[in-house]
Amino acid sequence: MSKQLTKSDLEQIISLQQESLQAMQKVLGSLRNQNESLERSNQKLRKRISEYE
């Protein structure tokens, strides 16, 4: 009862997987940028806090 996949089916599956990977790479890049920004903000806050201690 399992369907036999054709070369065209497999190519379409691979294409969709590549699109998904590219989308995930964009999201990861955005998350990296946000993380770096948060780290810089945290460093500034730590410096300001240490001035009051």
N, C-alpha and C. Protein backbone atom coordinates (compact mmCIF):
# COMPACT_ATOMS: atom_id res chain seq x y z
N MET A 1 0.80 -1.20 0.00
CA MET A 1 0.00 0.00 0.00
C MET A 1 0.84 1.27 0.00
N SER A 2 2.16 1.14 0.17
CA SER A 2 3.00 2.33 0.15
C SER A 2 3.16 2.84 -1.28
N LYS A 3 3.16 4.15 -1.40
CA LYS A 3 3.28 4.77 -2.71
C LYS A 3 4.74 4.82 -3.14
N GLN A 4 4.98 4.48 -4.36
CA GLN A 4 6.33 4.56 -4.93
C GLN A 4 6.58 6.01 -5.34
N LEU A 5 7.65 6.61 -4.81
CA LEU A 5 7.95 8.00 -5.14
C LEU A 5 8.74 8.06 -6.44
N THR A 6 8.38 9.04 -7.25
CA THR A 6 9.10 9.24 -8.50
C THR A 6 10.27 10.20 -8.28
N LYS A 7 11.11 10.31 -9.27
CA LYS A 7 12.23 11.24 -9.20
C LYS A 7 11.70 12.66 -9.01
N SER A 8 10.64 12.99 -9.70
CA SER A 8 10.03 14.31 -9.59
C SER A 8 9.52 14.56 -8.16
N ASP A 9 8.91 13.55 -7.56
CA ASP A 9 8.43 13.67 -6.17
C ASP A 9 9.60 13.96 -5.23
N LEU A 10 10.68 13.21 -5.40
CA LEU A 10 11.85 13.38 -4.55
C LEU A 10 12.49 14.75 -4.74
N GLU A 11 12.55 15.21 -5.99
CA GLU A 11 13.11 16.54 -6.26
C GLU A 11 12.27 17.62 -5.60
N GLN A 12 10.96 17.45 -5.62
CA GLN A 12 10.07 18.43 -4.99
C GLN A 12 10.26 18.42 -3.47
N ILE A 13 10.39 17.24 -2.89
CA ILE A 13 10.62 17.12 -1.44
C ILE A 13 11.93 17.80 -1.06
N ILE A 14 12.98 17.54 -1.83
CA ILE A 14 14.29 18.15 -1.55
C ILE A 14 14.21 19.66 -1.67
N SER A 15 13.52 20.14 -2.68
CA SER A 15 13.38 21.58 -2.88
C SER A 15 12.67 22.22 -1.68
N LEU A 16 11.62 21.60 -1.21
CA LEU A 16 10.90 22.12 -0.04
C LEU A 16 11.78 22.09 1.21
N GLN A 17 12.57 21.04 1.36
CA GLN A 17 13.48 20.96 2.51
C GLN A 17 14.53 22.06 2.44
N GLN A 18 15.05 22.34 1.24
CA GLN A 18 16.04 23.40 1.08
C GLN A 18 15.44 24.76 1.44
N GLU A 19 14.20 25.00 1.02
CA GLU A 19 13.51 26.25 1.36
C GLU A 19 13.35 26.37 2.87
N SER A 20 12.99 25.27 3.51
CA SER A 20 12.83 25.27 4.96
C SER A 20 14.15 25.56 5.66
N LEU A 21 15.23 24.95 5.19
CA LEU A 21 16.55 25.19 5.77
C LEU A 21 16.97 26.65 5.61
N GLN A 22 16.70 27.21 4.45
CA GLN A 22 17.05 28.61 4.22
C GLN A 22 16.25 29.52 5.16
N ALA A 23 14.98 29.22 5.35
CA ALA A 23 14.16 30.01 6.27
C ALA A 23 14.68 29.89 7.70
N MET A 24 15.08 28.69 8.09
CA MET A 24 15.63 28.50 9.44
C MET A 24 16.95 29.25 9.59
N GLN A 25 17.78 29.29 8.55
CA GLN A 25 19.04 30.02 8.61
C GLN A 25 18.79 31.51 8.81
N LYS A 26 17.76 32.05 8.15
CA LYS A 26 17.42 33.46 8.32
C LYS A 26 16.98 33.72 9.75
N VAL A 27 16.15 32.83 10.29
CA VAL A 27 15.68 32.99 11.67
C VAL A 27 16.86 32.91 12.64
N LEU A 28 17.75 31.95 12.43
CA LEU A 28 18.92 31.82 13.29
C LEU A 28 19.80 33.06 13.22
N GLY A 29 19.97 33.60 12.04
CA GLY A 29 20.75 34.83 11.89
C GLY A 29 20.13 35.98 12.66
N SER A 30 18.82 36.08 12.58
CA SER A 30 18.11 37.12 13.32
C SER A 30 18.26 36.92 14.82
N LEU A 31 18.15 35.68 15.26
CA LEU A 31 18.30 35.39 16.69
C LEU A 31 19.71 35.69 17.17
N ARG A 32 20.70 35.41 16.34
CA ARG A 32 22.08 35.73 16.70
C ARG A 32 22.25 37.24 16.88
N ASN A 33 21.68 38.00 15.94
CA ASN A 33 21.77 39.46 16.04
C ASN A 33 21.09 39.97 17.30
N GLN A 34 19.93 39.43 17.60
CA GLN A 34 19.21 39.83 18.82
C GLN A 34 20.02 39.47 20.06
N ASN A 35 20.61 38.30 20.05
CA ASN A 35 21.41 37.85 21.19
C ASN A 35 22.62 38.77 21.39
N GLU A 36 23.28 39.11 20.30
CA GLU A 36 24.44 40.01 20.40
C GLU A 36 24.02 41.37 20.93
N SER A 37 22.88 41.86 20.48
CA SER A 37 22.36 43.14 20.97
C SER A 37 22.04 43.07 22.46
N LEU A 38 21.43 41.98 22.88
CA LEU A 38 21.13 41.81 24.30
C LEU A 38 22.39 41.72 25.14
N GLU A 39 23.39 41.05 24.63
CA GLU A 39 24.67 40.95 25.35
C GLU A 39 25.30 42.32 25.51
N ARG A 40 25.26 43.13 24.46
CA ARG A 40 25.82 44.49 24.55
C ARG A 40 25.03 45.32 25.57
N SER A 41 23.72 45.21 25.54
CA SER A 41 22.88 45.94 26.50
C SER A 41 23.16 45.49 27.92
N ASN A 42 23.32 44.20 28.12
CA ASN A 42 23.63 43.68 29.45
C ASN A 42 24.97 44.20 29.95
N GLN A 43 25.95 44.26 29.07
CA GLN A 43 27.26 44.78 29.46
C GLN A 43 27.15 46.25 29.89
N LYS A 44 26.37 47.03 29.14
CA LYS A 44 26.19 48.44 29.50
C LYS A 44 25.48 48.56 30.85
N LEU A 45 24.46 47.74 31.05
CA LEU A 45 23.75 47.77 32.33
C LEU A 45 24.65 47.37 33.49
N ARG A 46 25.46 46.33 33.29
CA ARG A 46 26.40 45.92 34.35
C ARG A 46 27.35 47.06 34.69
N LYS A 47 27.82 47.74 33.67
CA LYS A 47 28.75 48.85 33.90
C LYS A 47 28.05 49.95 34.69
N ARG A 48 26.82 50.30 34.32
CA ARG A 48 26.09 51.35 35.04
C ARG A 48 25.82 50.94 36.48
N ILE A 49 25.45 49.67 36.67
CA ILE A 49 25.17 49.20 38.03
C ILE A 49 26.42 49.25 38.88
N SER A 50 27.56 48.87 38.28
CA SER A 50 28.81 48.86 39.05
C SER A 50 29.21 50.28 39.47
N GLU A 51 28.78 51.28 38.72
CA GLU A 51 29.08 52.67 39.07
C GLU A 51 28.35 53.08 40.35
N TYR A 52 27.22 52.46 40.64
CA TYR A 52 26.43 52.81 41.82
C TYR A 52 26.77 51.97 43.04
N GLU A 53 27.59 50.98 42.87
CA GLU A 53 27.93 50.11 44.01
C GLU A 53 29.05 50.68 44.83
